[in-house]
PDB file of N, CA and C in Angstrom:
ATOM      1  N   MET A   1      60.646 111.089  68.924  1.00  0.00           N
ATOM      2  CA  MET A   1      61.206 111.284  67.608  1.00  0.00           C
ATOM      3  C   MET A   1      62.730 111.067  67.707  1.00  0.00           C
ATOM      4  N   THR A   2      63.263 110.308  66.791  1.00  0.00           N
ATOM      5  CA  THR A   2      64.706 110.059  66.779  1.00  0.00           C
ATOM      6  C   THR A   2      65.353 110.859  65.674  1.00  0.00           C
ATOM      7  N   SER A   3      66.566 111.268  65.922  1.00  0.00           N
ATOM      8  CA  SER A   3      67.287 112.023  64.899  1.00  0.00           C
ATOM      9  C   SER A   3      68.108 111.057  64.056  1.00  0.00           C
ATOM     10  N   PRO A   4      68.268 111.352  62.782  1.00  0.00           N
ATOM     11  CA  PRO A   4      69.054 110.459  61.927  1.00  0.00           C
ATOM     12  C   PRO A   4      70.513 110.429  62.380  1.00  0.00           C
ATOM     13  N   VAL A   5      71.101 109.274  62.232  1.00  0.00           N
ATOM     14  CA  VAL A   5      72.507 109.120  62.569  1.00  0.00           C
ATOM     15  C   VAL A   5      73.328 109.433  61.328  1.00  0.00           C
ATOM     16  N   ILE A   6      74.287 110.274  61.511  1.00  0.00           N
ATOM     17  CA  ILE A   6      75.138 110.662  60.390  1.00  0.00           C
ATOM     18  C   ILE A   6      76.510 110.048  60.606  1.00  0.00           C
ATOM     19  N   ASP A   7      76.944 109.247  59.650  1.00  0.00           N
ATOM     20  CA  ASP A   7      78.281 108.669  59.701  1.00  0.00           C
ATOM     21  C   ASP A   7      79.239 109.634  59.032  1.00  0.00           C
ATOM     22  N   GLU A   8      80.241 110.019  59.770  1.00  0.00           N
ATOM     23  CA  GLU A   8      81.259 110.887  59.200  1.00  0.00           C
ATOM     24  C   GLU A   8      82.559 110.112  59.091  1.00  0.00           C
ATOM     25  N   LEU A   9      83.153 110.171  57.932  1.00  0.00           N
ATOM     26  CA  LEU A   9      84.450 109.539  57.739  1.00  0.00           C
ATOM     27  C   LEU A   9      85.527 110.486  58.224  1.00  0.00           C
ATOM     28  N   GLU A  10      86.400 109.950  59.039  1.00  0.00           N
ATOM     29  CA  GLU A  10      87.513 110.762  59.526  1.00  0.00           C
ATOM     30  C   GLU A  10      88.558 110.844  58.424  1.00  0.00           C
ATOM     31  N   GLU A  11      88.893 112.047  58.059  1.00  0.00           N
ATOM     32  CA  GLU A  11      89.908 112.231  57.031  1.00  0.00           C
ATOM     33  C   GLU A  11      91.272 112.314  57.692  1.00  0.00           C
ATOM     34  N   THR A  12      92.186 111.554  57.147  1.00  0.00           N
ATOM     35  CA  THR A  12      93.539 111.565  57.660  1.00  0.00           C
ATOM     36  C   THR A  12      94.418 112.308  56.671  1.00  0.00           C
ATOM     37  N   ALA A  13      94.986 113.379  57.144  1.00  0.00           N
ATOM     38  CA  ALA A  13      95.881 114.153  56.281  1.00  0.00           C
ATOM     39  C   ALA A  13      97.251 113.491  56.277  1.00  0.00           C
ATOM     40  N   VAL A  14      97.811 113.322  55.105  1.00  0.00           N
ATOM     41  CA  VAL A  14      99.143 112.750  54.969  1.00  0.00           C
ATOM     42  C   VAL A  14     100.094 113.879  54.623  1.00  0.00           C
ATOM     43  N   ASP A  15     101.079 114.062  55.461  1.00  0.00           N
ATOM     44  CA  ASP A  15     102.082 115.099  55.236  1.00  0.00           C
ATOM     45  C   ASP A  15     102.893 114.731  53.993  1.00  0.00           C
ATOM     46  N   PRO A  16     102.878 115.572  52.977  1.00  0.00           N
ATOM     47  CA  PRO A  16     103.607 115.239  51.741  1.00  0.00           C
ATOM     48  C   PRO A  16     105.116 115.142  51.941  1.00  0.00           C
ATOM     49  N   ASP A  17     105.616 115.695  53.056  1.00  0.00           N
ATOM     50  CA  ASP A  17     107.048 115.632  53.324  1.00  0.00           C
ATOM     51  C   ASP A  17     107.450 114.370  54.089  1.00  0.00           C
ATOM     52  N   THR A  18     106.464 113.561  54.486  1.00  0.00           N
ATOM     53  CA  THR A  18     106.759 112.332  55.199  1.00  0.00           C
ATOM     54  C   THR A  18     107.415 111.338  54.255  1.00  0.00           C
ATOM     55  N   VAL A  19     108.489 110.744  54.714  1.00  0.00           N
ATOM     56  CA  VAL A  19     109.177 109.732  53.918  1.00  0.00           C
ATOM     57  C   VAL A  19     108.680 108.367  54.368  1.00  0.00           C
ATOM     58  N   TRP A  20     108.294 107.550  53.409  1.00  0.00           N
ATOM     59  CA  TRP A  20     107.832 106.190  53.662  1.00  0.00           C
ATOM     60  C   TRP A  20     108.866 105.230  53.095  1.00  0.00           C
ATOM     61  N   THR A  21     108.916 104.030  53.647  1.00  0.00           N
ATOM     62  CA  THR A  21     109.880 103.046  53.174  1.00  0.00           C
ATOM     63  C   THR A  21     109.198 101.718  52.888  1.00  0.00           C
ATOM     64  N   THR A  22     109.837 100.949  52.019  1.00  0.00           N
ATOM     65  CA  THR A  22     109.432  99.574  51.771  1.00  0.00           C
ATOM     66  C   THR A  22     110.435  98.685  52.486  1.00  0.00           C
ATOM     67  N   VAL A  23     109.917  97.828  53.354  1.00  0.00           N
ATOM     68  CA  VAL A  23     110.744  96.907  54.123  1.00  0.00           C
ATOM     69  C   VAL A  23     110.456  95.490  53.647  1.00  0.00           C
ATOM     70  N   VAL A  24     111.498  94.765  53.301  1.00  0.00           N
ATOM     71  CA  VAL A  24     111.365  93.352  52.930  1.00  0.00           C
ATOM     72  C   VAL A  24     111.835  92.535  54.127  1.00  0.00           C
ATOM     73  N   TRP A  25     111.041  91.521  54.475  1.00  0.00           N
ATOM     74  CA  TRP A  25     111.276  90.701  55.655  1.00  0.00           C
ATOM     75  C   TRP A  25     111.780  89.317  55.261  1.00  0.00           C
ATOM     76  N   ASN A  26     112.555  88.739  56.142  1.00  0.00           N
ATOM     77  CA  ASN A  26     113.033  87.371  55.942  1.00  0.00           C
ATOM     78  C   ASN A  26     111.852  86.407  56.004  1.00  0.00           C
ATOM     79  N   ASP A  27     111.929  85.361  55.241  1.00  0.00           N
ATOM     80  CA  ASP A  27     110.904  84.319  55.294  1.00  0.00           C
ATOM     81  C   ASP A  27     111.568  82.958  55.124  1.00  0.00           C
ATOM     82  N   PRO A  28     110.883  81.911  55.515  1.00  0.00           N
ATOM     83  CA  PRO A  28     111.482  80.583  55.442  1.00  0.00           C
ATOM     84  C   PRO A  28     111.313  79.900  54.086  1.00  0.00           C
ATOM     85  N   VAL A  29     110.794  80.612  53.105  1.00  0.00           N
ATOM     86  CA  VAL A  29     110.417  79.990  51.840  1.00  0.00           C
ATOM     87  C   VAL A  29     111.376  80.297  50.695  1.00  0.00           C
ATOM     88  N   ASN A  30     111.683  81.573  50.509  1.00  0.00           N
ATOM     89  CA  ASN A  30     112.415  81.989  49.310  1.00  0.00           C
ATOM     90  C   ASN A  30     113.926  81.821  49.462  1.00  0.00           C
ATOM     91  N   LEU A  31     114.535  81.349  48.385  1.00  0.00           N
ATOM     92  CA  LEU A  31     115.987  81.192  48.349  1.00  0.00           C
ATOM     93  C   LEU A  31     116.656  82.558  48.266  1.00  0.00           C
ATOM     94  N   MET A  32     117.856  82.645  48.799  1.00  0.00           N
ATOM     95  CA  MET A  32     118.602  83.899  48.755  1.00  0.00           C
ATOM     96  C   MET A  32     118.848  84.341  47.312  1.00  0.00           C
ATOM     97  N   SER A  33     119.104  83.394  46.432  1.00  0.00           N
ATOM     98  CA  SER A  33     119.337  83.733  45.027  1.00  0.00           C
ATOM     99  C   SER A  33     118.085  84.331  44.390  1.00  0.00           C
ATOM    100  N   TYR A  34     116.921  83.836  44.803  1.00  0.00           N
ATOM    101  CA  TYR A  34     115.667  84.365  44.268  1.00  0.00           C
ATOM    102  C   TYR A  34     115.429  85.795  44.751  1.00  0.00           C
ATOM    103  N   VAL A  35     115.665  86.052  46.040  1.00  0.00           N
ATOM    104  CA  VAL A  35     115.476  87.401  46.584  1.00  0.00           C
ATOM    105  C   VAL A  35     116.420  88.376  45.873  1.00  0.00           C
ATOM    106  N   THR A  36     117.659  87.977  45.665  1.00  0.00           N
ATOM    107  CA  THR A  36     118.612  88.805  44.923  1.00  0.00           C
ATOM    108  C   THR A  36     118.094  89.082  43.516  1.00  0.00           C
ATOM    109  N   HIS A  37     117.589  88.052  42.864  1.00  0.00           N
ATOM    110  CA  HIS A  37     117.030  88.186  41.506  1.00  0.00           C
ATOM    111  C   HIS A  37     115.885  89.197  41.489  1.00  0.00           C
ATOM    112  N   VAL A  38     114.964  89.103  42.447  1.00  0.00           N
ATOM    113  CA  VAL A  38     113.823  90.025  42.503  1.00  0.00           C
ATOM    114  C   VAL A  38     114.312  91.465  42.676  1.00  0.00           C
ATOM    115  N   PHE A  39     115.258  91.675  43.562  1.00  0.00           N
ATOM    116  CA  PHE A  39     115.778  93.023  43.782  1.00  0.00           C
ATOM    117  C   PHE A  39     116.415  93.589  42.519  1.00  0.00           C
ATOM    118  N   LYS A  40     117.111  92.747  41.771  1.00  0.00           N
ATOM    119  CA  LYS A  40     117.746  93.192  40.532  1.00  0.00           C
ATOM    120  C   LYS A  40     116.707  93.488  39.458  1.00  0.00           C
ATOM    121  N   VAL A  41     115.751  92.587  39.289  1.00  0.00           N
ATOM    122  CA  VAL A  41     114.753  92.725  38.223  1.00  0.00           C
ATOM    123  C   VAL A  41     113.783  93.866  38.511  1.00  0.00           C
ATOM    124  N   TYR A  42     113.225  93.898  39.704  1.00  0.00           N
ATOM    125  CA  TYR A  42     112.188  94.892  40.000  1.00  0.00           C
ATOM    126  C   TYR A  42     112.767  96.282  40.256  1.00  0.00           C
ATOM    127  N   PHE A  43     113.752  96.368  41.135  1.00  0.00           N
ATOM    128  CA  PHE A  43     114.297  97.678  41.504  1.00  0.00           C
ATOM    129  C   PHE A  43     115.434  98.135  40.591  1.00  0.00           C
ATOM    130  N   GLY A  44     115.993  97.226  39.797  1.00  0.00           N
ATOM    131  CA  GLY A  44     117.099  97.585  38.922  1.00  0.00           C
ATOM    132  C   GLY A  44     118.413  97.745  39.664  1.00  0.00           C
ATOM    133  N   PHE A  45     118.521  97.119  40.852  1.00  0.00           N
ATOM    134  CA  PHE A  45     119.751  97.211  41.631  1.00  0.00           C
ATOM    135  C   PHE A  45     120.875  96.452  40.953  1.00  0.00           C
ATOM    136  N   SER A  46     122.081  96.915  41.187  1.00  0.00           N
ATOM    137  CA  SER A  46     123.253  96.173  40.717  1.00  0.00           C
ATOM    138  C   SER A  46     123.306  94.852  41.472  1.00  0.00           C
ATOM    139  N   ASP A  47     124.088  93.923  40.942  1.00  0.00           N
ATOM    140  CA  ASP A  47     124.237  92.632  41.613  1.00  0.00           C
ATOM    141  C   ASP A  47     124.763  92.834  43.035  1.00  0.00           C
ATOM    142  N   ARG A  48     125.728  93.714  43.177  1.00  0.00           N
ATOM    143  CA  ARG A  48     126.335  93.960  44.488  1.00  0.00           C
ATOM    144  C   ARG A  48     125.320  94.507  45.498  1.00  0.00           C
ATOM    145  N   LYS A  49     124.532  95.510  45.085  1.00  0.00           N
ATOM    146  CA  LYS A  49     123.547  96.104  45.987  1.00  0.00           C
ATOM    147  C   LYS A  49     122.430  95.108  46.307  1.00  0.00           C
ATOM    148  N   ALA A  50     121.954  94.389  45.298  1.00  0.00           N
ATOM    149  CA  ALA A  50     120.897  93.399  45.517  1.00  0.00           C
ATOM    150  C   ALA A  50     121.363  92.324  46.490  1.00  0.00           C
ATOM    151  N   ARG A  51     122.603  91.886  46.322  1.00  0.00           N
ATOM    152  CA  ARG A  51     123.149  90.856  47.214  1.00  0.00           C
ATOM    153  C   ARG A  51     123.326  91.386  48.640  1.00  0.00           C
ATOM    154  N   ARG A  52     123.789  92.627  48.774  1.00  0.00           N
ATOM    155  CA  ARG A  52     123.959  93.240  50.097  1.00  0.00           C
ATOM    156  C   ARG A  52     122.621  93.336  50.831  1.00  0.00           C
ATOM    157  N   LEU A  53     121.583  93.781  50.121  1.00  0.00           N
ATOM    158  CA  LEU A  53     120.259  93.893  50.734  1.00  0.00           C
ATOM    159  C   LEU A  53     119.680  92.518  51.065  1.00  0.00           C
ATOM    160  N   MET A  54     119.888  91.553  50.176  1.00  0.00           N
ATOM    161  CA  MET A  54     119.417  90.198  50.450  1.00  0.00           C
ATOM    162  C   MET A  54     120.079  89.659  51.707  1.00  0.00           C
ATOM    163  N   LEU A  55     121.395  89.871  51.856  1.00  0.00           N
ATOM    164  CA  LEU A  55     122.103  89.400  53.055  1.00  0.00           C
ATOM    165  C   LEU A  55     121.611  90.106  54.311  1.00  0.00           C
ATOM    166  N   GLN A  56     121.241  91.367  54.176  1.00  0.00           N
ATOM    167  CA  GLN A  56     120.671  92.089  55.311  1.00  0.00           C
ATOM    168  C   GLN A  56     119.334  91.473  55.714  1.00  0.00           C
ATOM    169  N   VAL A  57     118.516  91.157  54.726  1.00  0.00           N
ATOM    170  CA  VAL A  57     117.242  90.477  55.003  1.00  0.00           C
ATOM    171  C   VAL A  57     117.512  89.151  55.705  1.00  0.00           C
ATOM    172  N   HIS A  58     118.435  88.397  55.174  1.00  0.00           N
ATOM    173  CA  HIS A  58     118.740  87.068  55.706  1.00  0.00           C
ATOM    174  C   HIS A  58     119.332  87.127  57.122  1.00  0.00           C
ATOM    175  N   ASN A  59     120.291  88.027  57.330  1.00  0.00           N
ATOM    176  CA  ASN A  59     121.005  88.075  58.608  1.00  0.00           C
ATOM    177  C   ASN A  59     120.310  88.890  59.694  1.00  0.00           C
ATOM    178  N   GLU A  60     119.643  89.977  59.297  1.00  0.00           N
ATOM    179  CA  GLU A  60     119.020  90.871  60.278  1.00  0.00           C
ATOM    180  C   GLU A  60     117.504  90.719  60.342  1.00  0.00           C
ATOM    181  N   GLY A  61     116.948  89.946  59.397  1.00  0.00           N
ATOM    182  CA  GLY A  61     115.507  89.725  59.406  1.00  0.00           C
ATOM    183  C   GLY A  61     114.708  90.696  58.574  1.00  0.00           C
ATOM    184  N   ARG A  62     115.346  91.777  58.144  1.00  0.00           N
ATOM    185  CA  ARG A  62     114.650  92.778  57.332  1.00  0.00           C
ATOM    186  C   ARG A  62     115.651  93.712  56.680  1.00  0.00           C
ATOM    187  N   ALA A  63     115.196  94.367  55.607  1.00  0.00           N
ATOM    188  CA  ALA A  63     116.001  95.398  54.967  1.00  0.00           C
ATOM    189  C   ALA A  63     115.069  96.429  54.349  1.00  0.00           C
ATOM    190  N   THR A  64     115.448  97.687  54.465  1.00  0.00           N
ATOM    191  CA  THR A  64     114.730  98.755  53.786  1.00  0.00           C
ATOM    192  C   THR A  64     115.282  98.828  52.370  1.00  0.00           C
ATOM    193  N   VAL A  65     114.399  98.649  51.389  1.00  0.00           N
ATOM    194  CA  VAL A  65     114.853  98.568  50.003  1.00  0.00           C
ATOM    195  C   VAL A  65     114.469  99.778  49.155  1.00  0.00           C
ATOM    196  N   ALA A  66     113.572 100.631  49.676  1.00  0.00           N
ATOM    197  CA  ALA A  66     113.166 101.811  48.909  1.00  0.00           C
ATOM    198  C   ALA A  66     112.568 102.837  49.863  1.00  0.00           C
ATOM    199  N   SER A  67     112.569 104.095  49.440  1.00  0.00           N
ATOM    200  CA  SER A  67     111.913 105.151  50.202  1.00  0.00           C
ATOM    201  C   SER A  67     111.303 106.141  49.227  1.00  0.00           C
ATOM    202  N   GLY A  68     110.240 106.781  49.678  1.00  0.00           N
ATOM    203  CA  GLY A  68     109.549 107.743  48.822  1.00  0.00           C
ATOM    204  C   GLY A  68     108.174 108.051  49.364  1.00  0.00           C
ATOM    205  N   THR A  69     107.244 108.331  48.447  1.00  0.00           N
ATOM    206  CA  THR A  69     105.879 108.651  48.854  1.00  0.00           C
ATOM    207  C   THR A  69     105.146 107.377  49.281  1.00  0.00           C
ATOM    208  N   LEU A  70     104.071 107.571  50.018  1.00  0.00           N
ATOM    209  CA  LEU A  70     103.264 106.435  50.461  1.00  0.00           C
ATOM    210  C   LEU A  70     102.767 105.618  49.270  1.00  0.00           C
ATOM    211  N   GLU A  71     102.308 106.298  48.242  1.00  0.00           N
ATOM    212  CA  GLU A  71     101.780 105.601  47.072  1.00  0.00           C
ATOM    213  C   GLU A  71     102.857 104.769  46.377  1.00  0.00           C
ATOM    214  N   GLN A  72     104.055 105.316  46.255  1.00  0.00           N
ATOM    215  CA  GLN A  72     105.154 104.567  45.640  1.00  0.00           C
ATOM    216  C   GLN A  72     105.487 103.317  46.452  1.00  0.00           C
ATOM    217  N   MET A  73     105.525 103.482  47.773  1.00  0.00           N
ATOM    218  CA  MET A  73     105.892 102.352  48.633  1.00  0.00           C
ATOM    219  C   MET A  73     104.804 101.282  48.646  1.00  0.00           C
ATOM    220  N   GLU A  74     103.551 101.698  48.571  1.00  0.00           N
ATOM    221  CA  GLU A  74     102.459 100.723  48.467  1.00  0.00           C
ATOM    222  C   GLU A  74     102.571  99.930  47.172  1.00  0.00           C
ATOM    223  N   THR A  75     102.977 100.599  46.107  1.00  0.00           N
ATOM    224  CA  THR A  75     103.179  99.919  44.822  1.00  0.00           C
ATOM    225  C   THR A  75     104.316  98.910  44.934  1.00  0.00           C
ATOM    226  N   HIS A  76     105.417  99.302  45.569  1.00  0.00           N
ATOM    227  CA  HIS A  76     106.550  98.384  45.755  1.00  0.00           C
ATOM    228  C   HIS A  76     106.158  97.175  46.605  1.00  0.00           C
ATOM    229  N   VAL A  77     105.413  97.417  47.675  1.00  0.00           N
ATOM    230  CA  VAL A  77     104.992  96.309  48.549  1.00  0.00           C
ATOM    231  C   VAL A  77     104.105  95.339  47.774  1.00  0.00           C
ATOM    232  N   ALA A  78     103.174  95.871  46.992  1.00  0.00           N
ATOM    233  CA  ALA A  78     102.313  95.005  46.184  1.00  0.00           C
ATOM    234  C   ALA A  78     103.148  94.186  45.204  1.00  0.00           C
ATOM    235  N   ALA A  79     104.161  94.814  44.626  1.00  0.00           N
ATOM    236  CA  ALA A  79     105.036  94.097  43.692  1.00  0.00           C
ATOM    237  C   ALA A  79     105.809  92.997  44.406  1.00  0.00           C
ATOM    238  N   MET A  80     106.337  93.307  45.600  1.00  0.00           N
ATOM    239  CA  MET A  80     107.075  92.283  46.354  1.00  0.00           C
ATOM    240  C   MET A  80     106.157  91.106  46.693  1.00  0.00           C
ATOM    241  N   HIS A  81     104.922  91.398  47.048  1.00  0.00           N
ATOM    242  CA  HIS A  81     103.956  90.336  47.326  1.00  0.00           C
ATOM    243  C   HIS A  81     103.698  89.499  46.075  1.00  0.00           C
ATOM    244  N   SER A  82     103.659  90.155  44.920  1.00  0.00           N
ATOM    245  CA  SER A  82     103.421  89.406  43.680  1.00  0.00           C
ATOM    246  C   SER A  82     104.576  88.462  43.370  1.00  0.00           C
ATOM    247  N   TYR A  83     105.767  88.793  43.859  1.00  0.00           N
ATOM    248  CA  TYR A  83     106.932  87.914  43.699  1.00  0.00           C
ATOM    249  C   TYR A  83     107.014  86.874  44.826  1.00  0.00           C
ATOM    250  N   GLY A  84     106.094  86.954  45.776  1.00  0.00           N
ATOM    251  CA  GLY A  84     106.090  86.000  46.877  1.00  0.00           C
ATOM    252  C   GLY A  84     106.959  86.386  48.055  1.00  0.00           C
ATOM    253  N   LEU A  85     107.416  87.649  48.097  1.00  0.00           N
ATOM    254  CA  LEU A  85     108.226  88.109  49.218  1.00  0.00           C
ATOM    255  C   LEU A  85     107.343  88.795  50.255  1.00  0.00           C
ATOM    256  N   TRP A  86     107.761  88.750  51.504  1.00  0.00           N
ATOM    257  CA  TRP A  86     107.067  89.447  52.568  1.00  0.00           C
ATOM    258  C   TRP A  86     107.590  90.865  52.620  1.00  0.00           C
ATOM    259  N   ALA A  87     106.689  91.862  52.548  1.00  0.00           N
ATOM    260  CA  ALA A  87     107.093  93.259  52.582  1.00  0.00           C
ATOM    261  C   ALA A  87     106.011  94.107  53.214  1.00  0.00           C
ATOM    262  N   THR A  88     106.433  95.212  53.807  1.00  0.00           N
ATOM    263  CA  THR A  88     105.503  96.159  54.418  1.00  0.00           C
ATOM    264  C   THR A  88     105.947  97.581  54.127  1.00  0.00           C
ATOM    265  N   VAL A  89     105.002  98.507  54.311  1.00  0.00           N
ATOM    266  CA  VAL A  89     105.300  99.929  54.240  1.00  0.00           C
ATOM    267  C   VAL A  89     105.554 100.400  55.662  1.00  0.00           C
ATOM    268  N   ASP A  90     106.577 101.217  55.830  1.00  0.00           N
ATOM    269  CA  ASP A  90     106.905 101.737  57.148  1.00  0.00           C
ATOM    270  C   ASP A  90     107.105 103.241  57.034  1.00  0.00           C
ATOM    271  N   LYS A  91     106.749 103.943  58.081  1.00  0.00           N
ATOM    272  CA  LYS A  91     106.976 105.389  58.112  1.00  0.00           C
ATOM    273  C   LYS A  91     108.433 105.593  58.452  1.00  0.00           C
ATOM    274  N   GLY A  92     109.184 106.121  57.517  1.00  0.00           N
ATOM    275  CA  GLY A  92     110.610 106.235  57.681  1.00  0.00           C
ATOM    276  C   GLY A  92     111.029 107.484  58.321  1.00  0.00           C
TER     277      GLY A  92
END
């Protein structure tokens, strides 16, 4: 006689105090002016801040553009992808 196999899903607890970040990565496709535009339109950054972050992406390969809850950062990453930018969520 065999016993039934029970699949248990492992629950992962997310610490509500954990800060998550949205990281935008450099890519060979998008123009610097376009990345600046996306930062201004989506995040509401000033021209100066959007340009500073774009230059960080361009020169350093990445920039952290937002921080908050995991759900917020996942939303930002999805939005960046919809604009054609490379972005990931990182545990900050």
